[in-house]
Amino acid sequence: MSPPTPPRTGAPAAPSAAVRLRTPRRPARTGTAPRRSVLLTLLTGLVRVYSLVPLAWLAINATKTQQDLFDSFGLWFSGDFALFANIAETLTYWTGIRRCSRAACAPTWCRSAPRRRATGW
């Protein structure tokens, strides 16, 4: 017959120093610089260019006259800088944007549309 086993106390036995339970897959990084992905950096740059080129095109072409829009390269300035003239023309078109009455400024196809509640500008 074998001797009786002592009762368990609930605390696990400490592993020996020679046996490791988990080994790290790679050594820990010793720098503060984050790891960078070349593919994600290129993709982010492509999205940035895709987003900013239309805004640059809009800003550049706002400085041109109507004739220069057709005569010059679309992504560069023309000889005639007309930004302030274009802004003034936009704000005074049909007697101004804010001051125009609804009936005077609406095109003819819009005047025949049924009216909703009258709202003043």
PDB file of N, CA and C in Angstrom:
ATOM      1  N   MET A   1       0.815  -1.152   0.000  1.00  0.00           N
ATOM      2  CA  MET A   1       0.000   0.000   0.000  1.00  0.00           C
ATOM      3  C   MET A   1       0.876   1.238   0.000  1.00  0.00           C
ATOM      4  N   SER A   2       0.381   2.310  -0.686  1.00  0.00           N
ATOM      5  CA  SER A   2       1.187   3.519  -0.801  1.00  0.00           C
ATOM      6  C   SER A   2       0.865   4.471   0.345  1.00  0.00           C
ATOM      7  N   PRO A   3       1.816   5.344   0.665  1.00  0.00           N
ATOM      8  CA  PRO A   3       1.546   6.287   1.748  1.00  0.00           C
ATOM      9  C   PRO A   3       0.506   7.317   1.317  1.00  0.00           C
ATOM     10  N   PRO A   4      -0.268   7.882   2.235  1.00  0.00           N
ATOM     11  CA  PRO A   4      -1.297   8.864   1.871  1.00  0.00           C
ATOM     12  C   PRO A   4      -0.657  10.160   1.375  1.00  0.00           C
ATOM     13  N   THR A   5      -1.336  10.808   0.401  1.00  0.00           N
ATOM     14  CA  THR A   5      -0.834  12.070  -0.140  1.00  0.00           C
ATOM     15  C   THR A   5      -1.280  13.209   0.759  1.00  0.00           C
ATOM     16  N   PRO A   6      -0.426  14.220   0.897  1.00  0.00           N
ATOM     17  CA  PRO A   6      -0.822  15.350   1.750  1.00  0.00           C
ATOM     18  C   PRO A   6      -1.924  16.164   1.083  1.00  0.00           C
ATOM     19  N   PRO A   7      -2.796  16.795   1.842  1.00  0.00           N
ATOM     20  CA  PRO A   7      -3.880  17.603   1.243  1.00  0.00           C
ATOM     21  C   PRO A   7      -3.323  18.846   0.555  1.00  0.00           C
ATOM     22  N   ARG A   8      -4.012  19.277  -0.502  1.00  0.00           N
ATOM     23  CA  ARG A   8      -3.601  20.477  -1.258  1.00  0.00           C
ATOM     24  C   ARG A   8      -4.031  21.727  -0.492  1.00  0.00           C
ATOM     25  N   THR A   9      -3.183  22.744  -0.568  1.00  0.00           N
ATOM     26  CA  THR A   9      -3.495  23.984   0.136  1.00  0.00           C
ATOM     27  C   THR A   9      -4.049  25.042  -0.802  1.00  0.00           C
ATOM     28  N   GLY A  10      -4.069  24.830  -2.107  1.00  0.00           N
ATOM     29  CA  GLY A  10      -4.608  25.792  -3.056  1.00  0.00           C
ATOM     30  C   GLY A  10      -3.549  26.613  -3.741  1.00  0.00           C
ATOM     31  N   ALA A  11      -2.356  26.705  -3.228  1.00  0.00           N
ATOM     32  CA  ALA A  11      -1.282  27.479  -3.861  1.00  0.00           C
ATOM     33  C   ALA A  11      -0.531  26.569  -4.821  1.00  0.00           C
ATOM     34  N   PRO A  12      -0.349  27.004  -6.074  1.00  0.00           N
ATOM     35  CA  PRO A  12       0.375  26.149  -7.009  1.00  0.00           C
ATOM     36  C   PRO A  12       1.854  26.107  -6.656  1.00  0.00           C
ATOM     37  N   ALA A  13       2.455  25.067  -7.073  1.00  0.00           N
ATOM     38  CA  ALA A  13       3.884  24.929  -6.827  1.00  0.00           C
ATOM     39  C   ALA A  13       4.630  25.887  -7.740  1.00  0.00           C
ATOM     40  N   ALA A  14       5.672  26.507  -7.226  1.00  0.00           N
ATOM     41  CA  ALA A  14       6.450  27.473  -8.011  1.00  0.00           C
ATOM     42  C   ALA A  14       7.263  26.717  -9.063  1.00  0.00           C
ATOM     43  N   PRO A  15       7.251  27.217 -10.327  1.00  0.00           N
ATOM     44  CA  PRO A  15       8.040  26.529 -11.343  1.00  0.00           C
ATOM     45  C   PRO A  15       9.524  26.753 -11.084  1.00  0.00           C
ATOM     46  N   SER A  16      10.272  25.835 -11.514  1.00  0.00           N
ATOM     47  CA  SER A  16      11.707  25.968 -11.317  1.00  0.00           C
ATOM     48  C   SER A  16      12.244  27.033 -12.259  1.00  0.00           C
ATOM     49  N   ALA A  17      13.394  27.571 -11.943  1.00  0.00           N
ATOM     50  CA  ALA A  17      13.993  28.646 -12.735  1.00  0.00           C
ATOM     51  C   ALA A  17      14.399  28.153 -14.112  1.00  0.00           C
ATOM     52  N   ALA A  18      14.659  26.893 -14.278  1.00  0.00           N
ATOM     53  CA  ALA A  18      15.105  26.368 -15.568  1.00  0.00           C
ATOM     54  C   ALA A  18      13.951  26.211 -16.549  1.00  0.00           C
ATOM     55  N   VAL A  19      12.750  26.079 -16.051  1.00  0.00           N
ATOM     56  CA  VAL A  19      11.595  25.866 -16.921  1.00  0.00           C
ATOM     57  C   VAL A  19      10.866  27.199 -17.093  1.00  0.00           C
ATOM     58  N   ARG A  20      10.679  27.635 -18.358  1.00  0.00           N
ATOM     59  CA  ARG A  20       9.919  28.860 -18.633  1.00  0.00           C
ATOM     60  C   ARG A  20       8.559  28.462 -19.176  1.00  0.00           C
ATOM     61  N   LEU A  21       7.546  29.123 -18.673  1.00  0.00           N
ATOM     62  CA  LEU A  21       6.205  28.805 -19.143  1.00  0.00           C
ATOM     63  C   LEU A  21       5.941  29.401 -20.514  1.00  0.00           C
ATOM     64  N   ARG A  22       6.340  30.646 -20.744  1.00  0.00           N
ATOM     65  CA  ARG A  22       6.164  31.304 -22.040  1.00  0.00           C
ATOM     66  C   ARG A  22       7.469  31.937 -22.452  1.00  0.00           C
ATOM     67  N   THR A  23       7.782  31.827 -23.707  1.00  0.00           N
ATOM     68  CA  THR A  23       8.968  32.505 -24.224  1.00  0.00           C
ATOM     69  C   THR A  23       8.507  33.610 -25.158  1.00  0.00           C
ATOM     70  N   PRO A  24       9.118  34.775 -25.084  1.00  0.00           N
ATOM     71  CA  PRO A  24       8.703  35.858 -25.989  1.00  0.00           C
ATOM     72  C   PRO A  24       9.065  35.513 -27.426  1.00  0.00           C
ATOM     73  N   ARG A  25       8.204  35.915 -28.351  1.00  0.00           N
ATOM     74  CA  ARG A  25       8.435  35.620 -29.759  1.00  0.00           C
ATOM     75  C   ARG A  25       9.570  36.450 -30.332  1.00  0.00           C
ATOM     76  N   ARG A  26       9.682  37.693 -29.910  1.00  0.00           N
ATOM     77  CA  ARG A  26      10.790  38.543 -30.339  1.00  0.00           C
ATOM     78  C   ARG A  26      11.196  39.421 -29.168  1.00  0.00           C
ATOM     79  N   PRO A  27      12.385  39.902 -29.197  1.00  0.00           N
ATOM     80  CA  PRO A  27      12.822  40.731 -28.063  1.00  0.00           C
ATOM     81  C   PRO A  27      12.036  42.036 -28.006  1.00  0.00           C
ATOM     82  N   ALA A  28      11.915  42.564 -26.830  1.00  0.00           N
ATOM     83  CA  ALA A  28      11.182  43.818 -26.634  1.00  0.00           C
ATOM     84  C   ALA A  28      11.922  44.963 -27.316  1.00  0.00           C
ATOM     85  N   ARG A  29      11.138  45.906 -27.869  1.00  0.00           N
ATOM     86  CA  ARG A  29      11.745  47.071 -28.522  1.00  0.00           C
ATOM     87  C   ARG A  29      12.259  48.029 -27.466  1.00  0.00           C
ATOM     88  N   THR A  30      13.393  48.605 -27.748  1.00  0.00           N
ATOM     89  CA  THR A  30      13.993  49.496 -26.761  1.00  0.00           C
ATOM     90  C   THR A  30      14.031  50.935 -27.247  1.00  0.00           C
ATOM     91  N   GLY A  31      13.134  51.351 -28.093  1.00  0.00           N
ATOM     92  CA  GLY A  31      13.098  52.728 -28.564  1.00  0.00           C
ATOM     93  C   GLY A  31      11.726  53.315 -28.363  1.00  0.00           C
ATOM     94  N   THR A  32      11.613  54.618 -28.565  1.00  0.00           N
ATOM     95  CA  THR A  32      10.312  55.259 -28.436  1.00  0.00           C
ATOM     96  C   THR A  32       9.663  55.490 -29.795  1.00  0.00           C
ATOM     97  N   ALA A  33      10.394  55.298 -30.884  1.00  0.00           N
ATOM     98  CA  ALA A  33       9.840  55.531 -32.218  1.00  0.00           C
ATOM     99  C   ALA A  33       8.900  54.374 -32.586  1.00  0.00           C
ATOM    100  N   PRO A  34       7.678  54.695 -33.054  1.00  0.00           N
ATOM    101  CA  PRO A  34       6.749  53.631 -33.445  1.00  0.00           C
ATOM    102  C   PRO A  34       7.185  52.973 -34.749  1.00  0.00           C
ATOM    103  N   ARG A  35       6.742  51.780 -34.940  1.00  0.00           N
ATOM    104  CA  ARG A  35       7.049  51.056 -36.166  1.00  0.00           C
ATOM    105  C   ARG A  35       6.201  51.613 -37.292  1.00  0.00           C
ATOM    106  N   ARG A  36       6.779  51.820 -38.458  1.00  0.00           N
ATOM    107  CA  ARG A  36       6.054  52.403 -39.584  1.00  0.00           C
ATOM    108  C   ARG A  36       5.914  51.384 -40.698  1.00  0.00           C
ATOM    109  N   SER A  37       4.759  51.419 -41.334  1.00  0.00           N
ATOM    110  CA  SER A  37       4.499  50.549 -42.460  1.00  0.00           C
ATOM    111  C   SER A  37       4.641  51.364 -43.746  1.00  0.00           C
ATOM    112  N   VAL A  38       5.474  50.908 -44.637  1.00  0.00           N
ATOM    113  CA  VAL A  38       5.700  51.629 -45.889  1.00  0.00           C
ATOM    114  C   VAL A  38       4.433  51.618 -46.737  1.00  0.00           C
ATOM    115  N   LEU A  39       3.741  50.508 -46.770  1.00  0.00           N
ATOM    116  CA  LEU A  39       2.518  50.404 -47.566  1.00  0.00           C
ATOM    117  C   LEU A  39       1.441  51.370 -47.065  1.00  0.00           C
ATOM    118  N   LEU A  40       1.249  51.440 -45.749  1.00  0.00           N
ATOM    119  CA  LEU A  40       0.239  52.359 -45.213  1.00  0.00           C
ATOM    120  C   LEU A  40       0.643  53.811 -45.406  1.00  0.00           C
ATOM    121  N   THR A  41       1.938  54.098 -45.333  1.00  0.00           N
ATOM    122  CA  THR A  41       2.404  55.462 -45.577  1.00  0.00           C
ATOM    123  C   THR A  41       2.136  55.867 -47.016  1.00  0.00           C
ATOM    124  N   LEU A  42       2.402  54.980 -47.964  1.00  0.00           N
ATOM    125  CA  LEU A  42       2.128  55.279 -49.376  1.00  0.00           C
ATOM    126  C   LEU A  42       0.635  55.421 -49.638  1.00  0.00           C
ATOM    127  N   LEU A  43      -0.161  54.569 -49.019  1.00  0.00           N
ATOM    128  CA  LEU A  43      -1.605  54.645 -49.195  1.00  0.00           C
ATOM    129  C   LEU A  43      -2.163  55.947 -48.623  1.00  0.00           C
ATOM    130  N   THR A  44      -1.664  56.371 -47.473  1.00  0.00           N
ATOM    131  CA  THR A  44      -2.099  57.632 -46.881  1.00  0.00           C
ATOM    132  C   THR A  44      -1.693  58.814 -47.756  1.00  0.00           C
ATOM    133  N   GLY A  45      -0.503  58.762 -48.319  1.00  0.00           N
ATOM    134  CA  GLY A  45      -0.067  59.822 -49.229  1.00  0.00           C
ATOM    135  C   GLY A  45      -0.930  59.888 -50.478  1.00  0.00           C
ATOM    136  N   LEU A  46      -1.318  58.732 -51.002  1.00  0.00           N
ATOM    137  CA  LEU A  46      -2.179  58.695 -52.187  1.00  0.00           C
ATOM    138  C   LEU A  46      -3.555  59.285 -51.877  1.00  0.00           C
ATOM    139  N   VAL A  47      -4.121  58.966 -50.725  1.00  0.00           N
ATOM    140  CA  VAL A  47      -5.422  59.519 -50.336  1.00  0.00           C
ATOM    141  C   VAL A  47      -5.317  61.027 -50.128  1.00  0.00           C
ATOM    142  N   ARG A  48      -4.199  61.480 -49.579  1.00  0.00           N
ATOM    143  CA  ARG A  48      -4.001  62.917 -49.372  1.00  0.00           C
ATOM    144  C   ARG A  48      -3.953  63.652 -50.708  1.00  0.00           C
ATOM    145  N   VAL A  49      -3.220  63.121 -51.659  1.00  0.00           N
ATOM    146  CA  VAL A  49      -3.138  63.755 -52.986  1.00  0.00           C
ATOM    147  C   VAL A  49      -4.514  63.731 -53.654  1.00  0.00           C
ATOM    148  N   TYR A  50      -5.206  62.593 -53.548  1.00  0.00           N
ATOM    149  CA  TYR A  50      -6.534  62.454 -54.151  1.00  0.00           C
ATOM    150  C   TYR A  50      -7.515  63.461 -53.558  1.00  0.00           C
ATOM    151  N   SER A  51      -7.344  63.814 -52.293  1.00  0.00           N
ATOM    152  CA  SER A  51      -8.242  64.763 -51.640  1.00  0.00           C
ATOM    153  C   SER A  51      -7.860  66.212 -51.899  1.00  0.00           C
ATOM    154  N   LEU A  52      -6.575  66.502 -52.003  1.00  0.00           N
ATOM    155  CA  LEU A  52      -6.137  67.895 -52.100  1.00  0.00           C
ATOM    156  C   LEU A  52      -6.056  68.429 -53.525  1.00  0.00           C
ATOM    157  N   VAL A  53      -5.899  67.571 -54.519  1.00  0.00           N
ATOM    158  CA  VAL A  53      -5.813  68.055 -55.905  1.00  0.00           C
ATOM    159  C   VAL A  53      -7.105  68.758 -56.339  1.00  0.00           C
ATOM    160  N   PRO A  54      -8.300  68.233 -56.057  1.00  0.00           N
ATOM    161  CA  PRO A  54      -9.502  68.992 -56.434  1.00  0.00           C
ATOM    162  C   PRO A  54      -9.622  70.339 -55.731  1.00  0.00           C
ATOM    163  N   LEU A  55      -9.184  70.419 -54.488  1.00  0.00           N
ATOM    164  CA  LEU A  55      -9.232  71.705 -53.791  1.00  0.00           C
ATOM    165  C   LEU A  55      -8.242  72.694 -54.393  1.00  0.00           C
ATOM    166  N   ALA A  56      -7.064  72.206 -54.770  1.00  0.00           N
ATOM    167  CA  ALA A  56      -6.083  73.077 -55.435  1.00  0.00           C
ATOM    168  C   ALA A  56      -6.623  73.523 -56.789  1.00  0.00           C
ATOM    169  N   TRP A  57      -7.249  72.607 -57.531  1.00  0.00           N
ATOM    170  CA  TRP A  57      -7.832  72.954 -58.837  1.00  0.00           C
ATOM    171  C   TRP A  57      -8.896  74.042 -58.666  1.00  0.00           C
ATOM    172  N   LEU A  58      -9.723  73.917 -57.635  1.00  0.00           N
ATOM    173  CA  LEU A  58     -10.771  74.907 -57.385  1.00  0.00           C
ATOM    174  C   LEU A  58     -10.172  76.271 -57.041  1.00  0.00           C
ATOM    175  N   ALA A  59      -9.170  76.284 -56.192  1.00  0.00           N
ATOM    176  CA  ALA A  59      -8.553  77.557 -55.798  1.00  0.00           C
ATOM    177  C   ALA A  59      -7.833  78.209 -56.973  1.00  0.00           C
ATOM    178  N   ILE A  60      -7.156  77.417 -57.785  1.00  0.00           N
ATOM    179  CA  ILE A  60      -6.430  77.973 -58.941  1.00  0.00           C
ATOM    180  C   ILE A  60      -7.405  78.512 -59.977  1.00  0.00           C
ATOM    181  N   ASN A  61      -8.455  77.760 -60.266  1.00  0.00           N
ATOM    182  CA  ASN A  61      -9.392  78.191 -61.303  1.00  0.00           C
ATOM    183  C   ASN A  61     -10.310  79.312 -60.846  1.00  0.00           C
ATOM    184  N   ALA A  62     -10.399  79.570 -59.557  1.00  0.00           N
ATOM    185  CA  ALA A  62     -11.162  80.722 -59.078  1.00  0.00           C
ATOM    186  C   ALA A  62     -10.453  82.023 -59.410  1.00  0.00           C
ATOM    187  N   THR A  63      -9.177  81.953 -59.744  1.00  0.00           N
ATOM    188  CA  THR A  63      -8.417  83.164 -60.076  1.00  0.00           C
ATOM    189  C   THR A  63      -8.435  83.476 -61.561  1.00  0.00           C
ATOM    190  N   LYS A  64      -9.144  82.710 -62.370  1.00  0.00           N
ATOM    191  CA  LYS A  64      -9.121  82.882 -63.830  1.00  0.00           C
ATOM    192  C   LYS A  64     -10.418  83.506 -64.334  1.00  0.00           C
ATOM    193  N   THR A  65     -10.320  84.144 -65.481  1.00  0.00           N
ATOM    194  CA  THR A  65     -11.521  84.619 -66.168  1.00  0.00           C
ATOM    195  C   THR A  65     -12.139  83.438 -66.904  1.00  0.00           C
ATOM    196  N   GLN A  66     -13.344  83.640 -67.429  1.00  0.00           N
ATOM    197  CA  GLN A  66     -13.992  82.548 -68.150  1.00  0.00           C
ATOM    198  C   GLN A  66     -13.191  82.137 -69.381  1.00  0.00           C
ATOM    199  N   GLN A  67     -12.624  83.085 -70.072  1.00  0.00           N
ATOM    200  CA  GLN A  67     -11.834  82.757 -71.255  1.00  0.00           C
ATOM    201  C   GLN A  67     -10.554  82.014 -70.871  1.00  0.00           C
ATOM    202  N   ASP A  68      -9.932  82.411 -69.762  1.00  0.00           N
ATOM    203  CA  ASP A  68      -8.707  81.734 -69.320  1.00  0.00           C
ATOM    204  C   ASP A  68      -8.967  80.305 -68.864  1.00  0.00           C
ATOM    205  N   LEU A  69     -10.186  79.999 -68.446  1.00  0.00           N
ATOM    206  CA  LEU A  69     -10.506  78.626 -68.068  1.00  0.00           C
ATOM    207  C   LEU A  69     -10.294  77.667 -69.233  1.00  0.00           C
ATOM    208  N   PHE A  70     -10.593  78.135 -70.447  1.00  0.00           N
ATOM    209  CA  PHE A  70     -10.476  77.278 -71.621  1.00  0.00           C
ATOM    210  C   PHE A  70      -9.126  77.410 -72.327  1.00  0.00           C
ATOM    211  N   ASP A  71      -8.447  78.526 -72.125  1.00  0.00           N
ATOM    212  CA  ASP A  71      -7.206  78.779 -72.854  1.00  0.00           C
ATOM    213  C   ASP A  71      -5.948  78.349 -72.113  1.00  0.00           C
ATOM    214  N   SER A  72      -6.022  78.139 -70.810  1.00  0.00           N
ATOM    215  CA  SER A  72      -4.811  77.836 -70.050  1.00  0.00           C
ATOM    216  C   SER A  72      -4.889  76.426 -69.459  1.00  0.00           C
ATOM    217  N   PHE A  73      -3.738  75.970 -68.943  1.00  0.00           N
ATOM    218  CA  PHE A  73      -3.663  74.669 -68.287  1.00  0.00           C
ATOM    219  C   PHE A  73      -4.492  74.715 -67.006  1.00  0.00           C
ATOM    220  N   GLY A  74      -5.240  73.672 -66.735  1.00  0.00           N
ATOM    221  CA  GLY A  74      -6.181  73.668 -65.627  1.00  0.00           C
ATOM    222  C   GLY A  74      -5.562  73.693 -64.249  1.00  0.00           C
ATOM    223  N   LEU A  75      -4.331  73.196 -64.094  1.00  0.00           N
ATOM    224  CA  LEU A  75      -3.720  73.146 -62.776  1.00  0.00           C
ATOM    225  C   LEU A  75      -2.618  74.177 -62.588  1.00  0.00           C
ATOM    226  N   TRP A  76      -2.698  75.291 -63.323  1.00  0.00           N
ATOM    227  CA  TRP A  76      -1.756  76.376 -63.107  1.00  0.00           C
ATOM    228  C   TRP A  76      -2.437  77.699 -63.377  1.00  0.00           C
ATOM    229  N   PHE A  77      -1.887  78.764 -62.824  1.00  0.00           N
ATOM    230  CA  PHE A  77      -2.472  80.095 -62.942  1.00  0.00           C
ATOM    231  C   PHE A  77      -2.303  80.633 -64.350  1.00  0.00           C
ATOM    232  N   SER A  78      -3.213  81.515 -64.746  1.00  0.00           N
ATOM    233  CA  SER A  78      -3.082  82.189 -66.042  1.00  0.00           C
ATOM    234  C   SER A  78      -2.435  83.547 -65.810  1.00  0.00           C
ATOM    235  N   GLY A  79      -2.260  84.293 -66.864  1.00  0.00           N
ATOM    236  CA  GLY A  79      -1.614  85.598 -66.731  1.00  0.00           C
ATOM    237  C   GLY A  79      -2.483  86.627 -66.041  1.00  0.00           C
ATOM    238  N   ASP A  80      -3.798  86.495 -66.114  1.00  0.00           N
ATOM    239  CA  ASP A  80      -4.711  87.478 -65.563  1.00  0.00           C
ATOM    240  C   ASP A  80      -5.254  86.976 -64.225  1.00  0.00           C
ATOM    241  N   PHE A  81      -4.921  87.648 -63.124  1.00  0.00           N
ATOM    242  CA  PHE A  81      -5.394  87.261 -61.786  1.00  0.00           C
ATOM    243  C   PHE A  81      -6.745  87.919 -61.555  1.00  0.00           C
ATOM    244  N   ALA A  82      -7.822  87.142 -61.587  1.00  0.00           N
ATOM    245  CA  ALA A  82      -9.171  87.706 -61.516  1.00  0.00           C
ATOM    246  C   ALA A  82      -9.964  87.202 -60.316  1.00  0.00           C
ATOM    247  N   LEU A  83      -9.300  86.845 -59.237  1.00  0.00           N
ATOM    248  CA  LEU A  83     -10.003  86.301 -58.080  1.00  0.00           C
ATOM    249  C   LEU A  83     -10.982  87.309 -57.486  1.00  0.00           C
ATOM    250  N   PHE A  84     -10.512  88.528 -57.240  1.00  0.00           N
ATOM    251  CA  PHE A  84     -11.380  89.526 -56.606  1.00  0.00           C
ATOM    252  C   PHE A  84     -12.496  89.977 -57.540  1.00  0.00           C
ATOM    253  N   ALA A  85     -12.228  90.013 -58.833  1.00  0.00           N
ATOM    254  CA  ALA A  85     -13.282  90.342 -59.799  1.00  0.00           C
ATOM    255  C   ALA A  85     -14.336  89.233 -59.832  1.00  0.00           C
ATOM    256  N   ASN A  86     -13.903  87.980 -59.728  1.00  0.00           N
ATOM    257  CA  ASN A  86     -14.855  86.871 -59.711  1.00  0.00           C
ATOM    258  C   ASN A  86     -15.701  86.887 -58.439  1.00  0.00           C
ATOM    259  N   ILE A  87     -15.098  87.205 -57.308  1.00  0.00           N
ATOM    260  CA  ILE A  87     -15.862  87.290 -56.063  1.00  0.00           C
ATOM    261  C   ILE A  87     -16.879  88.430 -56.138  1.00  0.00           C
ATOM    262  N   ALA A  88     -16.449  89.587 -56.662  1.00  0.00           N
ATOM    263  CA  ALA A  88     -17.371  90.725 -56.785  1.00  0.00           C
ATOM    264  C   ALA A  88     -18.506  90.400 -57.743  1.00  0.00           C
ATOM    265  N   GLU A  89     -18.216  89.726 -58.828  1.00  0.00           N
ATOM    266  CA  GLU A  89     -19.265  89.363 -59.784  1.00  0.00           C
ATOM    267  C   GLU A  89     -20.245  88.359 -59.175  1.00  0.00           C
ATOM    268  N   THR A  90     -19.754  87.448 -58.367  1.00  0.00           N
ATOM    269  CA  THR A  90     -20.629  86.471 -57.715  1.00  0.00           C
ATOM    270  C   THR A  90     -21.553  87.148 -56.710  1.00  0.00           C
ATOM    271  N   LEU A  91     -21.017  88.069 -55.952  1.00  0.00           N
ATOM    272  CA  LEU A  91     -21.829  88.727 -54.930  1.00  0.00           C
ATOM    273  C   LEU A  91     -22.818  89.735 -55.501  1.00  0.00           C
ATOM    274  N   THR A  92     -22.597  90.247 -56.706  1.00  0.00           N
ATOM    275  CA  THR A  92     -23.521  91.203 -57.310  1.00  0.00           C
ATOM    276  C   THR A  92     -24.385  90.579 -58.399  1.00  0.00           C
ATOM    277  N   TYR A  93     -24.291  89.312 -58.622  1.00  0.00           N
ATOM    278  CA  TYR A  93     -25.091  88.634 -59.640  1.00  0.00           C
ATOM    279  C   TYR A  93     -26.553  88.671 -59.227  1.00  0.00           C
ATOM    280  N   TRP A  94     -27.435  89.110 -60.109  1.00  0.00           N
ATOM    281  CA  TRP A  94     -28.863  89.266 -59.836  1.00  0.00           C
ATOM    282  C   TRP A  94     -29.073  90.151 -58.615  1.00  0.00           C
ATOM    283  N   THR A  95     -28.452  91.265 -58.564  1.00  0.00           N
ATOM    284  CA  THR A  95     -28.536  92.288 -57.518  1.00  0.00           C
ATOM    285  C   THR A  95     -28.092  91.799 -56.144  1.00  0.00           C
ATOM    286  N   GLY A  96     -27.237  90.817 -56.104  1.00  0.00           N
ATOM    287  CA  GLY A  96     -26.682  90.359 -54.824  1.00  0.00           C
ATOM    288  C   GLY A  96     -27.328  89.079 -54.345  1.00  0.00           C
ATOM    289  N   ILE A  97     -26.608  88.357 -53.550  1.00  0.00           N
ATOM    290  CA  ILE A  97     -27.099  87.063 -53.086  1.00  0.00           C
ATOM    291  C   ILE A  97     -28.127  87.232 -51.972  1.00  0.00           C
ATOM    292  N   ARG A  98     -27.849  88.031 -50.981  1.00  0.00           N
ATOM    293  CA  ARG A  98     -28.732  88.161 -49.834  1.00  0.00           C
ATOM    294  C   ARG A  98     -29.895  89.121 -50.063  1.00  0.00           C
ATOM    295  N   ARG A  99     -29.708  90.145 -50.892  1.00  0.00           N
ATOM    296  CA  ARG A  99     -30.728  91.185 -51.031  1.00  0.00           C
ATOM    297  C   ARG A  99     -31.772  90.866 -52.085  1.00  0.00           C
ATOM    298  N   CYS A 100     -31.628  89.830 -52.793  1.00  0.00           N
ATOM    299  CA  CYS A 100     -32.540  89.588 -53.903  1.00  0.00           C
ATOM    300  C   CYS A 100     -33.865  89.030 -53.399  1.00  0.00           C
ATOM    301  N   SER A 101     -34.946  89.502 -53.985  1.00  0.00           N
ATOM    302  CA  SER A 101     -36.252  88.991 -53.590  1.00  0.00           C
ATOM    303  C   SER A 101     -36.487  87.652 -54.271  1.00  0.00           C
ATOM    304  N   ARG A 102     -37.352  86.871 -53.710  1.00  0.00           N
ATOM    305  CA  ARG A 102     -37.561  85.524 -54.228  1.00  0.00           C
ATOM    306  C   ARG A 102     -38.118  85.552 -55.645  1.00  0.00           C
ATOM    307  N   ALA A 103     -39.069  86.407 -55.936  1.00  0.00           N
ATOM    308  CA  ALA A 103     -39.696  86.434 -57.258  1.00  0.00           C
ATOM    309  C   ALA A 103     -38.745  86.987 -58.317  1.00  0.00           C
ATOM    310  N   ALA A 104     -37.905  87.947 -57.964  1.00  0.00           N
ATOM    311  CA  ALA A 104     -37.024  88.557 -58.945  1.00  0.00           C
ATOM    312  C   ALA A 104     -35.841  87.650 -59.280  1.00  0.00           C
ATOM    313  N   CYS A 105     -35.396  86.871 -58.341  1.00  0.00           N
ATOM    314  CA  CYS A 105     -34.200  86.066 -58.554  1.00  0.00           C
ATOM    315  C   CYS A 105     -34.492  84.666 -59.053  1.00  0.00           C
ATOM    316  N   ALA A 106     -35.702  84.180 -58.837  1.00  0.00           N
ATOM    317  CA  ALA A 106     -35.995  82.808 -59.227  1.00  0.00           C
ATOM    318  C   ALA A 106     -36.108  82.709 -60.736  1.00  0.00           C
ATOM    319  N   PRO A 107     -35.548  81.672 -61.329  1.00  0.00           N
ATOM    320  CA  PRO A 107     -35.721  81.484 -62.769  1.00  0.00           C
ATOM    321  C   PRO A 107     -37.185  81.200 -63.093  1.00  0.00           C
ATOM    322  N   THR A 108     -37.549  81.321 -64.361  1.00  0.00           N
ATOM    323  CA  THR A 108     -38.953  81.187 -64.745  1.00  0.00           C
ATOM    324  C   THR A 108     -39.492  79.801 -64.442  1.00  0.00           C
ATOM    325  N   TRP A 109     -38.689  78.759 -64.578  1.00  0.00           N
ATOM    326  CA  TRP A 109     -39.200  77.420 -64.298  1.00  0.00           C
ATOM    327  C   TRP A 109     -39.476  77.248 -62.813  1.00  0.00           C
ATOM    328  N   CYS A 110     -38.797  77.997 -61.973  1.00  0.00           N
ATOM    329  CA  CYS A 110     -38.992  77.886 -60.532  1.00  0.00           C
ATOM    330  C   CYS A 110     -40.202  78.707 -60.081  1.00  0.00           C
ATOM    331  N   ARG A 111     -40.541  79.773 -60.800  1.00  0.00           N
ATOM    332  CA  ARG A 111     -41.668  80.610 -60.401  1.00  0.00           C
ATOM    333  C   ARG A 111     -42.988  79.874 -60.535  1.00  0.00           C
ATOM    334  N   SER A 112     -43.044  78.935 -61.474  1.00  0.00           N
ATOM    335  CA  SER A 112     -44.300  78.223 -61.684  1.00  0.00           C
ATOM    336  C   SER A 112     -44.475  77.076 -60.694  1.00  0.00           C
ATOM    337  N   ALA A 113     -43.449  76.768 -59.909  1.00  0.00           N
ATOM    338  CA  ALA A 113     -43.540  75.683 -58.936  1.00  0.00           C
ATOM    339  C   ALA A 113     -44.457  76.093 -57.796  1.00  0.00           C
ATOM    340  N   PRO A 114     -45.143  75.143 -57.196  1.00  0.00           N
ATOM    341  CA  PRO A 114     -46.021  75.498 -56.079  1.00  0.00           C
ATOM    342  C   PRO A 114     -45.205  76.067 -54.924  1.00  0.00           C
ATOM    343  N   ARG A 115     -45.747  77.095 -54.296  1.00  0.00           N
ATOM    344  CA  ARG A 115     -45.019  77.775 -53.221  1.00  0.00           C
ATOM    345  C   ARG A 115     -45.277  77.094 -51.888  1.00  0.00           C
ATOM    346  N   ARG A 116     -44.222  77.038 -51.147  1.00  0.00           N
ATOM    347  CA  ARG A 116     -44.368  76.563 -49.772  1.00  0.00           C
ATOM    348  C   ARG A 116     -44.577  77.775 -48.886  1.00  0.00           C
ATOM    349  N   ARG A 117     -44.406  77.575 -47.639  1.00  0.00           N
ATOM    350  CA  ARG A 117     -44.554  78.646 -46.679  1.00  0.00           C
ATOM    351  C   ARG A 117     -43.566  79.761 -47.013  1.00  0.00           C
ATOM    352  N   ALA A 118     -44.015  80.984 -47.013  1.00  0.00           N
ATOM    353  CA  ALA A 118     -43.145  82.118 -47.367  1.00  0.00           C
ATOM    354  C   ALA A 118     -42.153  82.359 -46.234  1.00  0.00           C
ATOM    355  N   THR A 119     -40.895  82.297 -46.596  1.00  0.00           N
ATOM    356  CA  THR A 119     -39.857  82.591 -45.610  1.00  0.00           C
ATOM    357  C   THR A 119     -39.057  83.764 -46.115  1.00  0.00           C
ATOM    358  N   GLY A 120     -38.868  84.731 -45.296  1.00  0.00           N
ATOM    359  CA  GLY A 120     -38.102  85.909 -45.688  1.00  0.00           C
ATOM    360  C   GLY A 120     -36.616  85.666 -45.552  1.00  0.00           C
ATOM    361  N   TRP A 121     -35.898  86.300 -46.375  1.00  0.00           N
ATOM    362  CA  TRP A 121     -34.433  86.181 -46.306  1.00  0.00           C
ATOM    363  C   TRP A 121     -33.962  87.275 -45.465  1.00  0.00           C
TER     364      TRP A 121
END
